[in-house]
Amino acid sequence: MSKLKILITFTVIYLAVLNPSTAMTFDRDYLYNFIKSYVESNVSIPAQGKLNVEVSPIDPRISLQPCLSPLSANIPEKHNGRNVNVKIVCPDEEPWQLFIPVKIQTIVPILVTRMRIAKGTLLDNSNIEVIFKDSGQIRGTVLTDPKIVTGARTKRNLSQGSAITNRNTCFVCKGQPVNIIAKSASFEIKSFGIALKDGSLGELIPVENKKSGRVVQGQVSAINQVVINL
């Protein structure tokens, strides 16, 4: 292609872009999907979590204007994480903007009871299961991994569908045998003891060393196991 033909082609394309008649028009379905995709891409999701994004209907009295430039979107810095007004902007020489309310629901996995469970019940796959629940309805620290929880015991009666939490389970239960691991960067010593208090993951509890009779503070790290970092 000659330089003259290239120049003519470029000029035609450039003029077409400047021509208002080439501006992109948007229907409500397009804007709905644009906003939904933007929110899903710009809202952080907890590990293994999911988002439910509900874009409010655009007021039918609003006339959607064409736009030469690509649309942009923005979520306000200050929002409660569940209800936001997404700002849609057409950055033309004669710009326009819309604020569209959006409801955001963060769904996270949690462990719950399959049935009514009595105090002291050993937890396993027969009586617990993973479900997804709105994070706004969750109170306290919940547990999510059945493998980690299997072997723990309930500290109180639980109704069907109750969330499994540190508060209602003990990974190390008072009066039960416990493995004690004392370790540093260079060595590790294992011994046995008796738990003097109920403990859940991460909690410090007193443990009596069965051999020496000494009471030590250990951090619960697994079922019937505490760690002492030296």
C-alpha atoms as a PDB file:
ATOM      1  CA  MET A   1       0.000   0.000   0.000  1.00  0.00           C
ATOM      2  CA  SER A   2       1.368   3.444  -0.987  1.00  0.00           C
ATOM      3  CA  LYS A   3       2.038   6.155   1.590  1.00  0.00           C
ATOM      4  CA  LEU A   4      -0.782   8.231   0.072  1.00  0.00           C
ATOM      5  CA  LYS A   5      -3.313   5.400   0.496  1.00  0.00           C
ATOM      6  CA  ILE A   6      -2.152   4.820   4.103  1.00  0.00           C
ATOM      7  CA  LEU A   7      -2.570   8.537   4.860  1.00  0.00           C
ATOM      8  CA  ILE A   8      -6.058   8.611   3.326  1.00  0.00           C
ATOM      9  CA  THR A   9      -7.108   5.485   5.261  1.00  0.00           C
ATOM     10  CA  PHE A  10      -5.825   6.933   8.553  1.00  0.00           C
ATOM     11  CA  THR A  11      -7.626  10.232   7.910  1.00  0.00           C
ATOM     12  CA  VAL A  12     -10.931   8.488   7.224  1.00  0.00           C
ATOM     13  CA  ILE A  13     -10.642   6.461  10.449  1.00  0.00           C
ATOM     14  CA  TYR A  14      -9.680   9.546  12.466  1.00  0.00           C
ATOM     15  CA  LEU A  15     -12.617  11.566  11.155  1.00  0.00           C
ATOM     16  CA  ALA A  16     -14.968   8.678  11.843  1.00  0.00           C
ATOM     17  CA  VAL A  17     -13.856   8.590  15.467  1.00  0.00           C
ATOM     18  CA  LEU A  18     -14.467  12.321  15.793  1.00  0.00           C
ATOM     19  CA  ASN A  19     -17.904  12.058  14.262  1.00  0.00           C
ATOM     20  CA  PRO A  20     -20.553  12.051  17.040  1.00  0.00           C
ATOM     21  CA  SER A  21     -22.614   9.661  14.976  1.00  0.00           C
ATOM     22  CA  THR A  22     -20.028   6.970  15.737  1.00  0.00           C
ATOM     23  CA  ALA A  23     -20.549   7.314  19.502  1.00  0.00           C
ATOM     24  CA  MET A  24     -21.443   4.082  21.237  1.00  0.00           C
ATOM     25  CA  THR A  25     -24.937   3.770  22.621  1.00  0.00           C
ATOM     26  CA  PHE A  26     -25.760   1.724  25.705  1.00  0.00           C
ATOM     27  CA  ASP A  27     -28.863  -0.144  26.685  1.00  0.00           C
ATOM     28  CA  ARG A  28     -29.710  -1.092  30.266  1.00  0.00           C
ATOM     29  CA  ASP A  29     -28.563  -4.691  29.890  1.00  0.00           C
ATOM     30  CA  TYR A  30     -25.131  -3.523  28.737  1.00  0.00           C
ATOM     31  CA  LEU A  31     -24.762  -1.169  31.714  1.00  0.00           C
ATOM     32  CA  TYR A  32     -26.002  -3.830  34.109  1.00  0.00           C
ATOM     33  CA  ASN A  33     -23.341  -6.313  32.918  1.00  0.00           C
ATOM     34  CA  PHE A  34     -20.664  -3.594  32.819  1.00  0.00           C
ATOM     35  CA  ILE A  35     -21.326  -2.630  36.458  1.00  0.00           C
ATOM     36  CA  LYS A  36     -21.587  -6.232  37.632  1.00  0.00           C
ATOM     37  CA  SER A  37     -18.262  -7.176  35.990  1.00  0.00           C
ATOM     38  CA  TYR A  38     -16.574  -4.074  37.409  1.00  0.00           C
ATOM     39  CA  VAL A  39     -17.720  -4.797  40.971  1.00  0.00           C
ATOM     40  CA  GLU A  40     -16.737  -8.476  40.745  1.00  0.00           C
ATOM     41  CA  SER A  41     -13.258  -7.455  39.570  1.00  0.00           C
ATOM     42  CA  ASN A  42     -12.688  -4.708  42.152  1.00  0.00           C
ATOM     43  CA  VAL A  43     -14.144  -6.032  45.411  1.00  0.00           C
ATOM     44  CA  SER A  44     -11.858  -8.291  47.438  1.00  0.00           C
ATOM     45  CA  ILE A  45     -13.135 -11.783  48.154  1.00  0.00           C
ATOM     46  CA  PRO A  46     -12.124 -13.864  51.201  1.00  0.00           C
ATOM     47  CA  ALA A  47     -10.304 -17.130  50.586  1.00  0.00           C
ATOM     48  CA  GLN A  48     -12.683 -19.661  49.003  1.00  0.00           C
ATOM     49  CA  GLY A  49     -15.452 -17.041  49.147  1.00  0.00           C
ATOM     50  CA  LYS A  50     -17.883 -15.885  46.463  1.00  0.00           C
ATOM     51  CA  LEU A  51     -19.695 -12.678  45.591  1.00  0.00           C
ATOM     52  CA  ASN A  52     -23.351 -12.131  44.848  1.00  0.00           C
ATOM     53  CA  VAL A  53     -23.737  -8.794  43.053  1.00  0.00           C
ATOM     54  CA  GLU A  54     -27.204  -7.301  42.609  1.00  0.00           C
ATOM     55  CA  VAL A  55     -27.352  -4.176  40.422  1.00  0.00           C
ATOM     56  CA  SER A  56     -30.430  -2.041  40.998  1.00  0.00           C
ATOM     57  CA  PRO A  57     -32.636  -1.348  37.958  1.00  0.00           C
ATOM     58  CA  ILE A  58     -31.853   1.927  36.218  1.00  0.00           C
ATOM     59  CA  ASP A  59     -34.683   4.432  36.493  1.00  0.00           C
ATOM     60  CA  PRO A  60     -36.699   4.112  33.241  1.00  0.00           C
ATOM     61  CA  ARG A  61     -37.083   7.913  33.181  1.00  0.00           C
ATOM     62  CA  ILE A  62     -33.310   8.256  32.641  1.00  0.00           C
ATOM     63  CA  SER A  63     -32.332   8.619  28.998  1.00  0.00           C
ATOM     64  CA  LEU A  64     -29.019   6.850  28.329  1.00  0.00           C
ATOM     65  CA  GLN A  65     -26.841   9.103  26.174  1.00  0.00           C
ATOM     66  CA  PRO A  66     -24.265   7.875  23.622  1.00  0.00           C
ATOM     67  CA  CYS A  67     -20.574   8.145  24.483  1.00  0.00           C
ATOM     68  CA  LEU A  68     -17.527   8.503  22.224  1.00  0.00           C
ATOM     69  CA  SER A  69     -15.088   7.454  24.946  1.00  0.00           C
ATOM     70  CA  PRO A  70     -14.975   4.156  26.854  1.00  0.00           C
ATOM     71  CA  LEU A  71     -17.058   4.248  30.009  1.00  0.00           C
ATOM     72  CA  SER A  72     -15.298   4.255  33.378  1.00  0.00           C
ATOM     73  CA  ALA A  73     -16.583   3.130  36.767  1.00  0.00           C
ATOM     74  CA  ASN A  74     -15.665   3.919  40.347  1.00  0.00           C
ATOM     75  CA  ILE A  75     -16.568   2.537  43.781  1.00  0.00           C
ATOM     76  CA  PRO A  76     -16.421   5.120  46.611  1.00  0.00           C
ATOM     77  CA  GLU A  77     -13.559   4.593  49.065  1.00  0.00           C
ATOM     78  CA  LYS A  78     -15.939   4.838  52.015  1.00  0.00           C
ATOM     79  CA  HIS A  79     -18.661   2.224  51.818  1.00  0.00           C
ATOM     80  CA  ASN A  80     -19.976  -0.448  54.150  1.00  0.00           C
ATOM     81  CA  GLY A  81     -19.020  -3.315  51.870  1.00  0.00           C
ATOM     82  CA  ARG A  82     -22.619  -4.364  51.316  1.00  0.00           C
ATOM     83  CA  ASN A  83     -24.288  -1.377  49.657  1.00  0.00           C
ATOM     84  CA  VAL A  84     -22.418   0.895  47.249  1.00  0.00           C
ATOM     85  CA  ASN A  85     -23.284   3.557  44.698  1.00  0.00           C
ATOM     86  CA  VAL A  86     -21.176   2.780  41.643  1.00  0.00           C
ATOM     87  CA  LYS A  87     -20.320   5.886  39.644  1.00  0.00           C
ATOM     88  CA  ILE A  88     -20.446   5.481  35.849  1.00  0.00           C
ATOM     89  CA  VAL A  89     -18.731   8.221  33.839  1.00  0.00           C
ATOM     90  CA  CYS A  90     -18.647   9.070  30.147  1.00  0.00           C
ATOM     91  CA  PRO A  91     -15.501  11.269  29.867  1.00  0.00           C
ATOM     92  CA  ASP A  92     -16.459  13.067  26.618  1.00  0.00           C
ATOM     93  CA  GLU A  93     -16.047  16.809  26.075  1.00  0.00           C
ATOM     94  CA  GLU A  94     -19.632  16.975  27.261  1.00  0.00           C
ATOM     95  CA  PRO A  95     -19.415  14.321  29.979  1.00  0.00           C
ATOM     96  CA  TRP A  96     -22.246  12.611  31.787  1.00  0.00           C
ATOM     97  CA  GLN A  97     -22.411  10.372  34.823  1.00  0.00           C
ATOM     98  CA  LEU A  98     -24.756   7.999  36.631  1.00  0.00           C
ATOM     99  CA  PHE A  99     -24.823   6.634  40.171  1.00  0.00           C
ATOM    100  CA  ILE A 100     -26.209   3.092  40.334  1.00  0.00           C
ATOM    101  CA  PRO A 101     -26.928   1.410  43.706  1.00  0.00           C
ATOM    102  CA  VAL A 102     -25.437  -2.064  44.015  1.00  0.00           C
ATOM    103  CA  LYS A 103     -25.908  -4.654  46.759  1.00  0.00           C
ATOM    104  CA  ILE A 104     -22.878  -6.843  47.445  1.00  0.00           C
ATOM    105  CA  GLN A 105     -23.196 -10.095  49.353  1.00  0.00           C
ATOM    106  CA  THR A 106     -20.014 -11.930  50.333  1.00  0.00           C
ATOM    107  CA  ILE A 107     -20.605 -15.668  50.661  1.00  0.00           C
ATOM    108  CA  VAL A 108     -18.008 -17.675  52.607  1.00  0.00           C
ATOM    109  CA  PRO A 109     -17.640 -21.358  53.496  1.00  0.00           C
ATOM    110  CA  ILE A 110     -18.263 -22.350  57.125  1.00  0.00           C
ATOM    111  CA  LEU A 111     -18.603 -25.599  59.024  1.00  0.00           C
ATOM    112  CA  VAL A 112     -22.013 -26.305  60.549  1.00  0.00           C
ATOM    113  CA  THR A 113     -23.666 -29.211  62.327  1.00  0.00           C
ATOM    114  CA  ARG A 114     -25.695 -31.643  60.220  1.00  0.00           C
ATOM    115  CA  MET A 115     -27.965 -32.424  63.169  1.00  0.00           C
ATOM    116  CA  ARG A 116     -28.529 -31.656  66.814  1.00  0.00           C
ATOM    117  CA  ILE A 117     -25.317 -32.496  68.727  1.00  0.00           C
ATOM    118  CA  ALA A 118     -24.906 -33.049  72.449  1.00  0.00           C
ATOM    119  CA  LYS A 119     -22.119 -31.589  74.577  1.00  0.00           C
ATOM    120  CA  GLY A 120     -18.938 -33.679  74.402  1.00  0.00           C
ATOM    121  CA  THR A 121     -19.683 -35.144  70.946  1.00  0.00           C
ATOM    122  CA  LEU A 122     -16.674 -36.016  68.802  1.00  0.00           C
ATOM    123  CA  LEU A 123     -16.862 -34.112  65.499  1.00  0.00           C
ATOM    124  CA  ASP A 124     -16.361 -35.862  62.155  1.00  0.00           C
ATOM    125  CA  ASN A 125     -17.823 -35.926  58.625  1.00  0.00           C
ATOM    126  CA  SER A 126     -20.953 -37.705  59.866  1.00  0.00           C
ATOM    127  CA  ASN A 127     -22.134 -34.729  61.939  1.00  0.00           C
ATOM    128  CA  ILE A 128     -20.557 -31.657  60.295  1.00  0.00           C
ATOM    129  CA  GLU A 129     -20.640 -30.216  56.778  1.00  0.00           C
ATOM    130  CA  VAL A 130     -19.466 -27.171  54.818  1.00  0.00           C
ATOM    131  CA  ILE A 131     -22.064 -24.664  53.610  1.00  0.00           C
ATOM    132  CA  PHE A 132     -21.825 -21.163  52.127  1.00  0.00           C
ATOM    133  CA  LYS A 133     -23.281 -18.323  54.173  1.00  0.00           C
ATOM    134  CA  ASP A 134     -23.527 -14.533  54.014  1.00  0.00           C
ATOM    135  CA  SER A 135     -20.487 -13.192  55.902  1.00  0.00           C
ATOM    136  CA  GLY A 136     -22.672 -10.433  57.363  1.00  0.00           C
ATOM    137  CA  GLN A 137     -24.611 -13.072  59.290  1.00  0.00           C
ATOM    138  CA  ILE A 138     -21.528 -14.671  60.842  1.00  0.00           C
ATOM    139  CA  ARG A 139     -20.445 -13.778  64.356  1.00  0.00           C
ATOM    140  CA  GLY A 140     -17.050 -14.632  65.826  1.00  0.00           C
ATOM    141  CA  THR A 141     -14.297 -16.824  64.386  1.00  0.00           C
ATOM    142  CA  VAL A 142     -15.737 -19.744  62.436  1.00  0.00           C
ATOM    143  CA  LEU A 143     -13.927 -22.882  61.322  1.00  0.00           C
ATOM    144  CA  THR A 144     -13.963 -24.023  57.709  1.00  0.00           C
ATOM    145  CA  ASP A 145     -11.781 -27.125  57.251  1.00  0.00           C
ATOM    146  CA  PRO A 146     -13.358 -30.493  58.200  1.00  0.00           C
ATOM    147  CA  LYS A 147      -9.923 -32.152  58.279  1.00  0.00           C
ATOM    148  CA  ILE A 148      -8.685 -29.765  60.974  1.00  0.00           C
ATOM    149  CA  VAL A 149     -11.864 -30.044  63.061  1.00  0.00           C
ATOM    150  CA  THR A 150     -12.259 -33.826  62.887  1.00  0.00           C
ATOM    151  CA  GLY A 151     -11.539 -35.156  66.372  1.00  0.00           C
ATOM    152  CA  ALA A 152     -12.509 -32.003  68.257  1.00  0.00           C
ATOM    153  CA  ARG A 153     -15.324 -32.136  70.817  1.00  0.00           C
ATOM    154  CA  THR A 154     -18.285 -29.859  71.401  1.00  0.00           C
ATOM    155  CA  LYS A 155     -18.285 -27.789  74.603  1.00  0.00           C
ATOM    156  CA  ARG A 156     -22.060 -27.359  74.650  1.00  0.00           C
ATOM    157  CA  ASN A 157     -25.249 -28.673  73.051  1.00  0.00           C
ATOM    158  CA  LEU A 158     -25.566 -27.486  69.444  1.00  0.00           C
ATOM    159  CA  SER A 159     -28.703 -27.325  67.320  1.00  0.00           C
ATOM    160  CA  GLN A 160     -28.796 -28.392  63.678  1.00  0.00           C
ATOM    161  CA  GLY A 161     -27.089 -25.838  61.421  1.00  0.00           C
ATOM    162  CA  SER A 162     -24.999 -24.265  64.216  1.00  0.00           C
ATOM    163  CA  ALA A 163     -21.659 -22.830  63.089  1.00  0.00           C
ATOM    164  CA  ILE A 164     -18.579 -24.636  64.398  1.00  0.00           C
ATOM    165  CA  THR A 165     -16.419 -22.039  66.179  1.00  0.00           C
ATOM    166  CA  ASN A 166     -13.513 -21.855  68.603  1.00  0.00           C
ATOM    167  CA  ARG A 167     -15.978 -20.933  71.330  1.00  0.00           C
ATOM    168  CA  ASN A 168     -18.086 -24.082  71.081  1.00  0.00           C
ATOM    169  CA  THR A 169     -15.345 -26.666  70.481  1.00  0.00           C
ATOM    170  CA  CYS A 170     -12.233 -27.867  72.250  1.00  0.00           C
ATOM    171  CA  PHE A 171      -9.301 -29.269  70.291  1.00  0.00           C
ATOM    172  CA  VAL A 172      -7.674 -30.046  73.600  1.00  0.00           C
ATOM    173  CA  CYS A 173     -10.158 -30.831  76.363  1.00  0.00           C
ATOM    174  CA  LYS A 174      -9.591 -30.538  80.093  1.00  0.00           C
ATOM    175  CA  GLY A 175      -8.383 -33.766  81.714  1.00  0.00           C
ATOM    176  CA  GLN A 176      -7.472 -35.394  78.385  1.00  0.00           C
ATOM    177  CA  PRO A 177      -3.976 -36.634  77.363  1.00  0.00           C
ATOM    178  CA  VAL A 178      -2.089 -34.194  75.159  1.00  0.00           C
ATOM    179  CA  ASN A 179       1.083 -34.252  73.072  1.00  0.00           C
ATOM    180  CA  ILE A 180       3.540 -31.524  74.066  1.00  0.00           C
ATOM    181  CA  ILE A 181       6.023 -30.289  71.463  1.00  0.00           C
ATOM    182  CA  ALA A 182       8.760 -27.936  72.702  1.00  0.00           C
ATOM    183  CA  LYS A 183      10.746 -26.570  69.793  1.00  0.00           C
ATOM    184  CA  SER A 184      13.204 -23.952  68.672  1.00  0.00           C
ATOM    185  CA  ALA A 185      14.859 -23.238  65.336  1.00  0.00           C
ATOM    186  CA  SER A 186      17.397 -26.018  65.881  1.00  0.00           C
ATOM    187  CA  PHE A 187      15.674 -28.780  67.850  1.00  0.00           C
ATOM    188  CA  GLU A 188      12.361 -30.301  68.945  1.00  0.00           C
ATOM    189  CA  ILE A 189      11.411 -32.246  72.068  1.00  0.00           C
ATOM    190  CA  LYS A 190       8.211 -34.270  72.405  1.00  0.00           C
ATOM    191  CA  SER A 191       6.538 -35.295  75.639  1.00  0.00           C
ATOM    192  CA  PHE A 192       3.114 -36.114  77.057  1.00  0.00           C
ATOM    193  CA  GLY A 193       0.871 -34.362  79.522  1.00  0.00           C
ATOM    194  CA  ILE A 194      -2.641 -33.695  80.778  1.00  0.00           C
ATOM    195  CA  ALA A 195      -4.656 -30.634  79.711  1.00  0.00           C
ATOM    196  CA  LEU A 196      -5.706 -28.534  82.709  1.00  0.00           C
ATOM    197  CA  LYS A 197      -8.130 -26.445  80.651  1.00  0.00           C
ATOM    198  CA  ASP A 198     -10.171 -26.651  77.446  1.00  0.00           C
ATOM    199  CA  GLY A 199      -8.449 -25.080  74.468  1.00  0.00           C
ATOM    200  CA  SER A 200      -9.245 -24.294  70.833  1.00  0.00           C
ATOM    201  CA  LEU A 201      -6.867 -23.576  67.937  1.00  0.00           C
ATOM    202  CA  GLY A 202      -4.305 -20.888  68.779  1.00  0.00           C
ATOM    203  CA  GLU A 203      -5.236 -20.617  72.470  1.00  0.00           C
ATOM    204  CA  LEU A 204      -2.665 -20.838  75.285  1.00  0.00           C
ATOM    205  CA  ILE A 205      -3.608 -23.366  77.956  1.00  0.00           C
ATOM    206  CA  PRO A 206      -1.885 -24.859  81.009  1.00  0.00           C
ATOM    207  CA  VAL A 207      -0.671 -28.425  80.581  1.00  0.00           C
ATOM    208  CA  GLU A 208       0.898 -30.677  83.221  1.00  0.00           C
ATOM    209  CA  ASN A 209       3.919 -32.606  81.962  1.00  0.00           C
ATOM    210  CA  LYS A 210       3.174 -36.224  82.910  1.00  0.00           C
ATOM    211  CA  LYS A 211       6.835 -37.122  83.494  1.00  0.00           C
ATOM    212  CA  SER A 212       8.108 -34.091  85.412  1.00  0.00           C
ATOM    213  CA  GLY A 213       4.847 -32.899  86.949  1.00  0.00           C
ATOM    214  CA  ARG A 214       5.678 -29.377  85.795  1.00  0.00           C
ATOM    215  CA  VAL A 215       2.860 -27.147  84.543  1.00  0.00           C
ATOM    216  CA  VAL A 216       3.662 -25.339  81.282  1.00  0.00           C
ATOM    217  CA  GLN A 217       1.767 -23.031  78.930  1.00  0.00           C
ATOM    218  CA  GLY A 218       1.283 -24.478  75.461  1.00  0.00           C
ATOM    219  CA  GLN A 219      -0.442 -23.162  72.362  1.00  0.00           C
ATOM    220  CA  VAL A 220      -3.061 -25.466  70.861  1.00  0.00           C
ATOM    221  CA  SER A 221      -1.887 -26.369  67.349  1.00  0.00           C
ATOM    222  CA  ALA A 222      -3.962 -29.463  66.497  1.00  0.00           C
ATOM    223  CA  ILE A 223      -6.235 -32.091  68.036  1.00  0.00           C
ATOM    224  CA  ASN A 224      -4.735 -33.085  71.429  1.00  0.00           C
ATOM    225  CA  GLN A 225      -1.517 -31.202  70.724  1.00  0.00           C
ATOM    226  CA  VAL A 226       0.146 -28.063  72.085  1.00  0.00           C
ATOM    227  CA  VAL A 227       3.354 -26.343  71.065  1.00  0.00           C
ATOM    228  CA  ILE A 228       5.844 -24.490  73.261  1.00  0.00           C
ATOM    229  CA  ASN A 229       8.104 -22.164  71.272  1.00  0.00           C
ATOM    230  CA  LEU A 230      11.491 -21.900  72.966  1.00  0.00           C
END
